[in-house]
Each structure stands twice: as C-alpha cells, then as structure tokens.
C-alpha cells in the first residue's frame, strides 16, 4: 500500500505544473473536514477517500474546461473533477477555498510563489 502511494506521489511530481506532493495523514482528515466550507463538496469528497494528497500547482498545470460547481436552491456548491493523470481507483481532484488554502499552506509549511495554488487529490486503494 505505501509503495503504491509513493509511486503515485512520484508520478505527480513529474506532471508539468504540479509540485510538493504531501500525504495528508488520516489523523488530520477530521480536522480538515471541519475547516473547509461545507459547500466545497469536492474537497470534502477528496478528504473522505482512502488516500488524500495535497499538491501545489501553477499556471503550467492543465486548465479545467468543465464547470467545477453546481447551483442548487440559490447556493453554489463546488464539486470534484476526475483526475485521470494518475492510475488510481476513483481518483478525483478539487480546489480548496481561499481561506482553506491559506490554512493548508500554514499547516503543512508550504513554500509557494504568488502564482501557486493548492489542490487536493483523493483516491481509493
């Protein structure tokens, strides 16, 4: 299991525009779920997968052409997107809200340039 996760983390490091892959420990997930806005369904879904990775990305990473949100009863909900860049079961990605992004940067001591953003990738084993 650990070997598969390490392999995927190495694969992520080779994708243009992605860097700093970090395994989110299971012990952190409950805290993180409480910190993110409940309308960010994609991030919450990624955190509930067997494995959740945090990566940073810049403008060299792919631009998502699809709609990343849905509107329901006057509210906007952010959703996950399939993440076919890795060979993993049920792989998805989602972007955190700005406040949650700042929290993740501080918690995991990320060194970012101004154009970098964070992305959560979740998958099952």
C-alpha atoms as a PDB file:
ATOM      1  CA  UNK A   1       0.000   0.000   0.000  1.00  0.00           C
ATOM      2  CA  UNK A   2       2.694   2.508   0.979  1.00  0.00           C
ATOM      3  CA  UNK A   3       4.638   1.622  -2.161  1.00  0.00           C
ATOM      4  CA  UNK A   4       1.631   2.432  -4.358  1.00  0.00           C
ATOM      5  CA  UNK A   5       1.175   5.811  -2.650  1.00  0.00           C
ATOM      6  CA  UNK A   6       4.881   6.619  -3.030  1.00  0.00           C
ATOM      7  CA  UNK A   7       4.730   5.693  -6.724  1.00  0.00           C
ATOM      8  CA  UNK A   8       1.737   7.964  -7.269  1.00  0.00           C
ATOM      9  CA  UNK A   9       3.458  10.817  -5.421  1.00  0.00           C
ATOM     10  CA  UNK A  10       6.487  10.427  -7.701  1.00  0.00           C
ATOM     11  CA  UNK A  11       4.208  10.409 -10.765  1.00  0.00           C
ATOM     12  CA  UNK A  12       2.585  13.636  -9.573  1.00  0.00           C
ATOM     13  CA  UNK A  13       5.999  15.283  -9.232  1.00  0.00           C
ATOM     14  CA  UNK A  14       6.650  14.562 -12.912  1.00  0.00           C
ATOM     15  CA  UNK A  15       3.478  16.265 -14.145  1.00  0.00           C
ATOM     16  CA  UNK A  16       4.171  19.703 -15.558  1.00  0.00           C
ATOM     17  CA  UNK A  17       2.880  22.394 -13.218  1.00  0.00           C
ATOM     18  CA  UNK A  18       2.469  20.158 -10.137  1.00  0.00           C
ATOM     19  CA  UNK A  19       4.838  20.032  -7.171  1.00  0.00           C
ATOM     20  CA  UNK A  20       5.153  19.406  -3.433  1.00  0.00           C
ATOM     21  CA  UNK A  21       3.020  16.245  -3.106  1.00  0.00           C
ATOM     22  CA  UNK A  22       2.198  15.626   0.552  1.00  0.00           C
ATOM     23  CA  UNK A  23       0.260  12.710   2.014  1.00  0.00           C
ATOM     24  CA  UNK A  24      -2.497  14.011   4.288  1.00  0.00           C
ATOM     25  CA  UNK A  25      -2.383  11.788   7.382  1.00  0.00           C
ATOM     26  CA  UNK A  26      -5.685  10.133   8.284  1.00  0.00           C
ATOM     27  CA  UNK A  27      -5.427  11.695  11.747  1.00  0.00           C
ATOM     28  CA  UNK A  28      -5.655  15.171  10.142  1.00  0.00           C
ATOM     29  CA  UNK A  29      -8.679  14.488   7.962  1.00  0.00           C
ATOM     30  CA  UNK A  30     -11.423  15.120  10.575  1.00  0.00           C
ATOM     31  CA  UNK A  31      -9.900  18.486  11.463  1.00  0.00           C
ATOM     32  CA  UNK A  32      -9.580  19.418   7.800  1.00  0.00           C
ATOM     33  CA  UNK A  33     -13.179  18.442   7.035  1.00  0.00           C
ATOM     34  CA  UNK A  34     -14.328  20.793   9.816  1.00  0.00           C
ATOM     35  CA  UNK A  35     -12.156  23.647   8.491  1.00  0.00           C
ATOM     36  CA  UNK A  36     -13.324  23.623   4.865  1.00  0.00           C
ATOM     37  CA  UNK A  37     -16.552  25.319   3.811  1.00  0.00           C
ATOM     38  CA  UNK A  38     -19.368  22.776   3.654  1.00  0.00           C
ATOM     39  CA  UNK A  39     -20.328  23.926   0.142  1.00  0.00           C
ATOM     40  CA  UNK A  40     -16.982  22.701  -1.163  1.00  0.00           C
ATOM     41  CA  UNK A  41     -18.249  19.192  -1.794  1.00  0.00           C
ATOM     42  CA  UNK A  42     -15.221  18.301  -3.922  1.00  0.00           C
ATOM     43  CA  UNK A  43     -12.673  18.903  -1.170  1.00  0.00           C
ATOM     44  CA  UNK A  44     -14.842  17.111   1.370  1.00  0.00           C
ATOM     45  CA  UNK A  45     -15.142  14.152  -1.018  1.00  0.00           C
ATOM     46  CA  UNK A  46     -11.360  14.088  -1.579  1.00  0.00           C
ATOM     47  CA  UNK A  47     -10.765  14.076   2.184  1.00  0.00           C
ATOM     48  CA  UNK A  48     -13.084  11.079   2.587  1.00  0.00           C
ATOM     49  CA  UNK A  49     -11.152   8.912   0.113  1.00  0.00           C
ATOM     50  CA  UNK A  50      -8.756   6.232   1.397  1.00  0.00           C
ATOM     51  CA  UNK A  51      -5.810   8.422   0.410  1.00  0.00           C
ATOM     52  CA  UNK A  52      -5.699  12.205   0.133  1.00  0.00           C
ATOM     53  CA  UNK A  53      -2.723  14.059  -1.287  1.00  0.00           C
ATOM     54  CA  UNK A  54      -2.061  17.770  -1.211  1.00  0.00           C
ATOM     55  CA  UNK A  55      -0.159  19.218  -4.167  1.00  0.00           C
ATOM     56  CA  UNK A  56       0.644  22.689  -5.362  1.00  0.00           C
ATOM     57  CA  UNK A  57       0.163  23.784  -8.936  1.00  0.00           C
ATOM     58  CA  UNK A  58       0.892  26.756 -11.111  1.00  0.00           C
ATOM     59  CA  UNK A  59      -0.326  28.053 -14.458  1.00  0.00           C
ATOM     60  CA  UNK A  60       1.577  25.279 -16.294  1.00  0.00           C
ATOM     61  CA  UNK A  61      -0.874  22.677 -14.999  1.00  0.00           C
ATOM     62  CA  UNK A  62      -3.991  21.902 -17.049  1.00  0.00           C
ATOM     63  CA  UNK A  63      -6.854  24.348 -17.217  1.00  0.00           C
ATOM     64  CA  UNK A  64     -10.170  22.749 -16.343  1.00  0.00           C
ATOM     65  CA  UNK A  65     -12.665  23.423 -19.109  1.00  0.00           C
ATOM     66  CA  UNK A  66     -15.597  21.862 -17.287  1.00  0.00           C
ATOM     67  CA  UNK A  67     -17.869  23.584 -14.800  1.00  0.00           C
ATOM     68  CA  UNK A  68     -16.499  22.985 -11.283  1.00  0.00           C
ATOM     69  CA  UNK A  69     -19.642  23.998  -9.443  1.00  0.00           C
ATOM     70  CA  UNK A  70     -23.350  23.359  -9.357  1.00  0.00           C
ATOM     71  CA  UNK A  71     -26.146  25.675  -8.273  1.00  0.00           C
ATOM     72  CA  UNK A  72     -28.895  24.320  -6.073  1.00  0.00           C
ATOM     73  CA  UNK A  73     -31.606  26.289  -4.286  1.00  0.00           C
ATOM     74  CA  UNK A  74     -29.710  29.545  -4.767  1.00  0.00           C
ATOM     75  CA  UNK A  75     -26.435  28.192  -3.376  1.00  0.00           C
ATOM     76  CA  UNK A  76     -23.214  27.342  -5.167  1.00  0.00           C
ATOM     77  CA  UNK A  77     -21.552  24.007  -4.432  1.00  0.00           C
ATOM     78  CA  UNK A  78     -18.047  23.230  -5.664  1.00  0.00           C
ATOM     79  CA  UNK A  79     -17.610  19.695  -6.976  1.00  0.00           C
ATOM     80  CA  UNK A  80     -14.720  17.330  -7.601  1.00  0.00           C
ATOM     81  CA  UNK A  81     -13.291  16.561 -11.009  1.00  0.00           C
ATOM     82  CA  UNK A  82     -11.962  13.210 -12.256  1.00  0.00           C
ATOM     83  CA  UNK A  83      -8.166  13.057 -12.057  1.00  0.00           C
ATOM     84  CA  UNK A  84      -7.027  10.692 -14.843  1.00  0.00           C
ATOM     85  CA  UNK A  85      -3.397  11.811 -14.572  1.00  0.00           C
ATOM     86  CA  UNK A  86      -2.745   9.030 -12.059  1.00  0.00           C
ATOM     87  CA  UNK A  87      -3.607   5.362 -12.225  1.00  0.00           C
ATOM     88  CA  UNK A  88      -5.652   5.064  -9.062  1.00  0.00           C
ATOM     89  CA  UNK A  89      -9.156   3.909  -8.209  1.00  0.00           C
ATOM     90  CA  UNK A  90     -11.790   6.683  -8.089  1.00  0.00           C
ATOM     91  CA  UNK A  91      -9.160   9.442  -8.422  1.00  0.00           C
ATOM     92  CA  UNK A  92     -10.570  12.959  -8.090  1.00  0.00           C
ATOM     93  CA  UNK A  93      -9.239  16.449  -7.508  1.00  0.00           C
ATOM     94  CA  UNK A  94     -10.690  19.594  -6.026  1.00  0.00           C
ATOM     95  CA  UNK A  95      -9.514  23.088  -5.187  1.00  0.00           C
ATOM     96  CA  UNK A  96      -9.860  24.433  -1.661  1.00  0.00           C
ATOM     97  CA  UNK A  97     -11.483  27.747  -0.847  1.00  0.00           C
ATOM     98  CA  UNK A  98      -9.108  30.672  -0.339  1.00  0.00           C
ATOM     99  CA  UNK A  99      -9.288  30.506   3.469  1.00  0.00           C
ATOM    100  CA  UNK A 100      -8.749  26.743   3.488  1.00  0.00           C
ATOM    101  CA  UNK A 101      -5.861  27.145   1.025  1.00  0.00           C
ATOM    102  CA  UNK A 102      -4.191  29.574   3.466  1.00  0.00           C
ATOM    103  CA  UNK A 103      -4.798  27.137   6.325  1.00  0.00           C
ATOM    104  CA  UNK A 104      -3.218  24.251   4.372  1.00  0.00           C
ATOM    105  CA  UNK A 105      -0.203  26.361   3.402  1.00  0.00           C
ATOM    106  CA  UNK A 106       0.415  27.246   7.050  1.00  0.00           C
ATOM    107  CA  UNK A 107      -0.332  23.778   8.494  1.00  0.00           C
ATOM    108  CA  UNK A 108       1.935  21.934   6.064  1.00  0.00           C
ATOM    109  CA  UNK A 109       4.537  24.737   5.874  1.00  0.00           C
ATOM    110  CA  UNK A 110       4.367  25.070   2.109  1.00  0.00           C
ATOM    111  CA  UNK A 111       6.700  27.458   0.325  1.00  0.00           C
ATOM    112  CA  UNK A 112       4.719  28.922  -2.550  1.00  0.00           C
ATOM    113  CA  UNK A 113       5.287  31.542  -5.176  1.00  0.00           C
ATOM    114  CA  UNK A 114       2.457  34.043  -5.755  1.00  0.00           C
ATOM    115  CA  UNK A 115       1.086  32.129  -8.765  1.00  0.00           C
ATOM    116  CA  UNK A 116       0.923  28.773  -6.924  1.00  0.00           C
ATOM    117  CA  UNK A 117      -2.327  27.285  -5.644  1.00  0.00           C
ATOM    118  CA  UNK A 118      -3.200  24.110  -3.752  1.00  0.00           C
ATOM    119  CA  UNK A 119      -5.128  21.101  -4.980  1.00  0.00           C
ATOM    120  CA  UNK A 120      -6.395  18.049  -3.122  1.00  0.00           C
ATOM    121  CA  UNK A 121      -6.308  14.691  -4.866  1.00  0.00           C
ATOM    122  CA  UNK A 122      -8.195  11.771  -3.377  1.00  0.00           C
ATOM    123  CA  UNK A 123      -8.367   8.128  -4.398  1.00  0.00           C
ATOM    124  CA  UNK A 124      -9.225   4.709  -3.022  1.00  0.00           C
ATOM    125  CA  UNK A 125      -6.948   1.722  -2.617  1.00  0.00           C
END
